[in-house]
Protein backbone atom coordinates (compact mmCIF):
# COMPACT_ATOMS: atom_id res chain seq x y z
CA MET A 1 38.74 191.67 110.01
CA ASN A 2 38.79 195.40 109.27
CA LYS A 3 36.50 198.06 110.51
CA CYS A 4 33.83 198.91 108.00
CA GLU A 5 34.79 202.57 108.27
CA THR A 6 37.41 201.89 105.60
CA GLN A 7 34.59 201.57 103.08
CA ALA A 8 31.79 203.52 104.70
CA MET A 9 30.63 206.91 103.60
CA PRO A 10 30.59 209.48 106.40
CA VAL A 11 27.26 209.52 108.17
CA SER A 12 26.95 213.20 107.38
CA LYS A 13 26.85 212.28 103.67
CA LEU A 14 24.06 209.78 104.23
CA MET A 15 21.79 211.77 106.53
CA LYS A 16 21.02 215.38 107.13
CA ASN A 17 23.12 216.76 109.92
CA ASN A 18 20.24 217.31 112.33
CA ASN A 19 20.84 216.33 115.94
CA SER A 20 17.11 215.74 116.46
CA LYS A 21 17.01 213.13 113.68
CA ILE A 22 19.07 210.14 114.68
CA LEU A 23 18.38 206.48 113.99
CA GLU A 24 19.41 203.90 116.59
CA VAL A 25 19.18 200.21 115.70
CA CYS A 26 19.05 197.41 118.25
CA LEU A 27 21.12 194.35 117.32
CA SER A 28 21.00 190.90 118.87
CA SER A 29 24.32 189.47 120.03
CA ASP A 30 23.10 185.88 120.32
CA ASN A 31 24.43 184.65 116.97
CA LEU A 32 27.91 186.03 116.37
CA ARG A 33 27.88 185.06 112.69
CA VAL A 34 24.69 187.05 112.11
CA LEU A 35 26.07 189.91 114.19
CA GLN A 36 29.22 189.93 112.06
CA HIS A 37 27.01 190.21 108.97
CA ASN A 38 24.78 192.94 110.41
CA LEU A 39 27.46 195.28 111.70
CA PRO A 40 28.91 196.29 108.30
CA VAL A 41 25.37 196.75 106.95
CA ILE A 42 24.70 199.18 109.78
CA CYS A 43 27.96 201.07 109.25
CA LEU A 44 27.66 201.33 105.48
CA ASN A 45 24.08 202.57 105.49
CA GLY A 46 24.14 205.53 107.83
CA VAL A 47 22.80 204.24 111.14
CA GLN A 48 24.29 206.44 113.83
CA ARG A 49 23.89 204.27 116.93
CA ILE A 50 23.71 200.58 117.78
CA GLU A 51 22.27 199.14 120.96
CA LEU A 52 23.77 195.68 121.49
CA CYS A 53 21.66 193.21 123.48
CA ALA A 54 21.40 189.49 124.18
CA ASN A 55 18.12 187.59 124.63
CA MET A 56 15.86 189.95 122.72
CA ALA A 57 12.94 187.57 123.22
CA GLU A 58 13.14 188.53 126.91
CA GLY A 59 13.43 192.25 126.23
CA GLY A 60 17.23 192.37 126.10
CA THR A 61 20.01 191.46 128.53
CA THR A 62 23.75 192.06 128.78
CA PRO A 63 25.65 190.74 125.72
CA SER A 64 28.76 188.60 126.01
CA THR A 65 32.21 190.15 126.20
CA ARG A 66 33.04 188.48 122.89
CA ALA A 67 30.06 190.11 121.19
CA ILE A 68 30.96 193.55 122.57
CA ALA A 69 34.54 193.20 121.37
CA LEU A 70 33.39 192.03 117.92
CA ALA A 71 31.01 194.96 117.59
CA ALA A 72 33.68 197.46 118.62
CA GLU A 73 36.12 195.94 116.13
CA LEU A 74 33.72 196.17 113.20
CA MET A 75 32.06 199.50 114.04
CA SER A 76 32.92 202.67 112.19
CA SER A 77 34.14 205.71 114.08
CA ASN A 78 30.90 207.45 113.03
CA THR A 79 28.69 204.97 114.90
CA GLU A 80 28.08 204.80 118.64
CA LEU A 81 28.09 201.42 120.39
CA LEU A 82 25.65 201.23 123.27
CA VAL A 83 25.72 198.10 125.42
CA MET A 84 22.75 196.84 127.40
CA ILE A 85 23.58 196.41 131.10
CA ARG A 86 20.88 194.06 132.37
CA PRO A 87 22.04 190.75 133.86
CA THR A 88 18.52 189.37 134.16
CA ALA A 89 15.15 190.07 132.56
CA ARG A 90 13.21 188.92 135.61
CA SER A 91 12.54 192.35 137.07
CA PHE A 92 13.50 196.01 136.95
CA VAL A 93 14.21 195.83 140.69
CA VAL A 94 17.97 195.60 141.27
CA ASP A 95 19.31 194.01 144.46
CA SER A 96 22.84 194.41 145.81
CA SER A 97 24.26 191.33 144.08
CA THR A 98 22.75 192.36 140.73
CA LEU A 99 24.13 195.89 141.14
CA LYS A 100 27.62 194.46 141.55
CA LEU A 101 27.18 192.49 138.33
CA MET A 102 25.97 195.62 136.53
CA LEU A 103 28.93 197.68 137.72
CA ASN A 104 31.31 194.96 136.56
CA ASP A 105 29.50 194.80 133.22
CA ILE A 106 29.96 198.55 132.75
CA ASP A 107 33.68 198.08 133.36
CA THR A 108 33.74 195.28 130.78
CA ALA A 109 31.78 197.27 128.19
CA ALA A 110 34.11 200.25 128.57
CA ALA A 111 37.20 198.07 128.34
CA HIS A 112 36.00 196.48 125.09
CA GLY A 113 35.01 199.58 123.14
CA ALA A 114 31.53 200.70 124.16
CA THR A 115 30.70 204.39 123.87
CA GLY A 116 27.56 204.16 125.97
CA VAL A 117 25.54 201.91 128.24
CA VAL A 118 21.82 201.25 128.64
CA PHE A 119 20.32 200.38 132.01
CA GLY A 120 17.42 200.99 134.37
CA ALA A 121 16.36 200.26 137.92
CA LEU A 122 13.09 200.73 139.77
CA THR A 123 12.09 200.42 143.40
CA LYS A 124 9.46 197.87 144.40
CA SER A 125 6.95 200.74 144.35
CA GLY A 126 7.80 201.48 140.70
CA GLU A 127 9.88 204.62 141.03
CA VAL A 128 13.44 205.34 139.85
CA ASP A 129 15.84 203.65 142.25
CA LEU A 130 18.11 206.55 143.19
CA ARG A 131 20.67 204.43 145.04
CA VAL A 132 21.21 202.08 142.11
CA LEU A 133 21.08 204.74 139.41
CA GLU A 134 23.58 206.97 141.18
CA ALA A 135 26.05 204.09 141.36
CA LEU A 136 25.53 203.07 137.72
CA VAL A 137 25.78 206.59 136.31
CA GLN A 138 28.85 207.39 138.40
CA ARG A 139 30.62 204.27 137.15
CA ALA A 140 29.67 204.95 133.52
CA LYS A 141 30.80 208.58 133.68
CA GLN A 142 34.22 207.45 134.92
CA PHE A 143 34.67 206.02 131.42
CA ASN A 144 32.91 208.93 129.63
CA LEU A 145 30.09 206.59 128.59
CA LYS A 146 26.72 208.00 127.58
CA CYS A 147 23.89 206.72 129.79
CA THR A 148 20.46 205.66 128.51
CA PHE A 149 17.62 204.72 130.87
CA HIS A 150 15.82 201.85 129.13
CA ARG A 151 12.13 201.03 128.87
CA ALA A 152 11.78 200.47 132.59
CA PHE A 153 10.76 204.11 132.18
CA ASP A 154 7.46 202.94 130.67
CA ALA A 155 6.69 201.04 133.88
CA ILE A 156 6.76 204.29 135.89
CA ASP A 157 3.48 206.00 136.76
CA ASN A 158 4.69 209.59 137.18
CA GLN A 159 7.01 209.87 134.20
CA PHE A 160 7.38 213.63 134.37
CA SER A 161 8.74 213.48 137.90
CA ALA A 162 10.94 210.56 136.80
CA LEU A 163 12.39 212.67 133.97
CA ASP A 164 13.38 215.34 136.47
CA THR A 165 15.01 212.68 138.65
CA LEU A 166 16.95 211.23 135.73
CA LEU A 167 18.09 214.70 134.73
CA SER A 168 19.40 215.31 138.24
CA LEU A 169 21.35 212.04 137.96
CA GLN A 170 22.92 213.19 134.65
CA VAL A 171 21.28 210.50 132.53
CA ASP A 172 21.76 211.45 128.87
CA ARG A 173 18.88 209.61 127.18
CA VAL A 174 15.59 207.94 128.02
CA LEU A 175 14.01 205.18 125.90
CA SER A 176 10.21 205.19 125.74
CA SER A 177 7.30 204.18 123.55
CA GLY A 178 4.95 206.59 125.29
CA THR A 179 2.77 203.60 126.21
CA PRO A 180 2.61 201.44 129.36
CA TRP A 181 5.23 198.69 129.67
CA GLN A 182 4.01 195.32 128.30
CA SER A 183 0.82 196.91 126.95
CA GLY A 184 1.62 195.67 123.44
CA LEU A 185 1.06 199.18 122.09
CA THR A 186 3.55 200.89 119.78
CA ALA A 187 5.08 204.34 119.77
CA THR A 188 2.41 205.43 117.30
CA ALA A 189 -0.21 204.88 120.00
CA GLY A 190 1.97 206.77 122.48
CA ILE A 191 2.55 209.82 120.33
CA LYS A 192 0.64 212.27 122.58
CA ARG A 193 2.50 211.12 125.68
CA LEU A 194 5.79 211.35 123.78
CA GLN A 195 4.96 214.93 122.77
CA ALA A 196 4.29 215.80 126.40
CA LEU A 197 7.50 214.13 127.58
CA LEU A 198 9.53 215.96 124.93
CA ALA A 199 8.00 219.26 125.96
CA HIS A 200 8.81 218.53 129.60
CA ALA A 201 12.39 217.51 128.78
CA ASN A 202 12.78 220.75 126.80
CA GLY A 203 16.05 219.62 125.26
CA ARG A 204 17.71 218.86 128.59
CA LEU A 205 18.04 215.18 127.67
CA GLU A 206 17.31 213.11 124.58
CA MET A 207 14.15 211.04 124.30
CA VAL A 208 14.77 207.83 122.35
CA VAL A 209 11.49 206.74 120.79
CA GLY A 210 11.18 202.97 120.49
CA GLY A 211 8.52 200.30 120.42
CA GLY A 212 7.22 199.03 117.10
CA VAL A 213 9.00 201.71 115.04
CA THR A 214 9.01 200.70 111.36
CA PRO A 215 9.74 202.32 108.01
CA GLN A 216 5.97 202.70 107.61
CA ASN A 217 5.32 204.69 110.77
CA ALA A 218 8.66 206.50 111.00
CA ILE A 219 7.51 209.37 108.78
CA PRO A 220 4.45 210.37 110.86
CA ILE A 221 6.44 209.95 114.07
CA TRP A 222 9.22 212.24 112.78
CA GLN A 223 6.74 214.77 111.43
CA THR A 224 4.76 214.93 114.66
CA LEU A 225 7.61 215.00 117.14
CA THR A 226 9.82 217.47 115.26
CA GLN A 227 7.13 220.07 116.00
CA ILE A 228 8.38 219.97 119.60
CA ASN A 229 11.55 221.97 120.12
CA SER A 230 13.42 219.20 121.88
CA ARG A 231 15.91 216.39 121.22
CA PHE A 232 14.78 212.93 120.20
CA SER A 233 15.82 209.94 118.11
CA LEU A 234 14.16 206.80 116.77
CA HIS A 235 15.02 203.29 117.96
CA SER A 236 14.12 200.18 115.97
CA TYR A 237 14.64 196.43 116.24
CA GLY A 238 11.99 194.35 114.50
CA GLY A 239 11.25 197.08 111.99
CA VAL A 240 14.66 196.78 110.34
CA HIS A 241 15.25 193.01 110.58
CA THR A 242 14.25 190.13 108.34
CA ALA A 243 12.67 186.94 109.69
CA GLN A 244 16.15 185.38 109.63
CA GLY A 245 17.55 188.06 111.95
CA GLN A 246 19.55 189.89 109.30
CA VAL A 247 19.34 193.65 109.02
CA SER A 248 17.36 194.79 105.99
CA ILE A 249 19.16 197.39 103.90
CA SER A 250 15.92 198.50 102.27
CA ALA A 251 14.26 198.98 105.67
CA ILE A 252 17.18 201.03 106.95
CA LYS A 253 17.19 203.22 103.86
CA ALA A 254 13.44 203.72 104.12
CA MET A 255 13.83 204.69 107.78
CA LEU A 256 16.61 207.13 106.95
CA ASP A 257 14.65 208.58 104.04
CA ALA A 258 11.90 209.33 106.52
CA THR A 259 14.25 211.74 108.29
CA HIS A 260 14.67 214.00 105.27
C-alpha cells in the first residue's frame, strides 16, 4: 500500500491558505477495511486533520495500534493524524491506573506515526484535573505531539477559567460545541458561547468547533466565528459520513466550499 500523497493535490491547492479555516474529520477505527477506504478519500479531498477513534457510539476511545499504523501509512504528509487517548468511555475522571494506560497509549501513538493526541481529564468536582493533564501534556510534548483537550471541556461549568488553565498547561487545542455535554444540542445552538470562548482565547490556542457540524450549517458557523479575531477550526463526524460509515466526497467538498 502506498501513501495517498503520491496522487493527492497539495492541500494548499484545495483550500484557501487561512489558518483559521481548517477542517478536521473524525474517523472510526473499528472496521479496518472501511478505514482503509476512507483514508485516501480524506487525503485526496483536502481535509487537513484526522482524529482517529474507536467506539464512536460511546463518544470515542483509543484506537488499536494496528489502526494507528494503518492510518499513518496511508496518510499524506499534508494531513495531521490525531489519535484519541481515552481507554474507557465510562467517565472523564482518570484514576492512577487509567493514567498509566493513557501515558502508554501516547507512547504507542507517537511510535506509530501520530502527529497529535486528543485527551481530557476532570476532577470529581468537574474541573480540569491538573495532575493528570500535566502528566499527559508532558509526555506528548516529549514526542512533539500537538495536544487537544476533548469534549470533556463541555462538561466544565467555568469554561473561561478552564481555558486559562489549559493555556498554562500548554494545550494546543480545545474541542467544544459551545453547549453542555450530553445536552443533544449542536454547535449551531452554542454559537454565542463559542464566540465568547474565542474572544477569551484571543488566538492563544485553537478552538475546534464540533458537535453536529454538517455541510448545511458549516457556512453560518464559519461566517459567524470568523468575525472573532481568533483561531478556530471545524470538526465533523456524522456530517461527512454515509449510513454505511464511508466518508462522503460530496459532503467533504461542500464543507470545504463553505470555507471559501
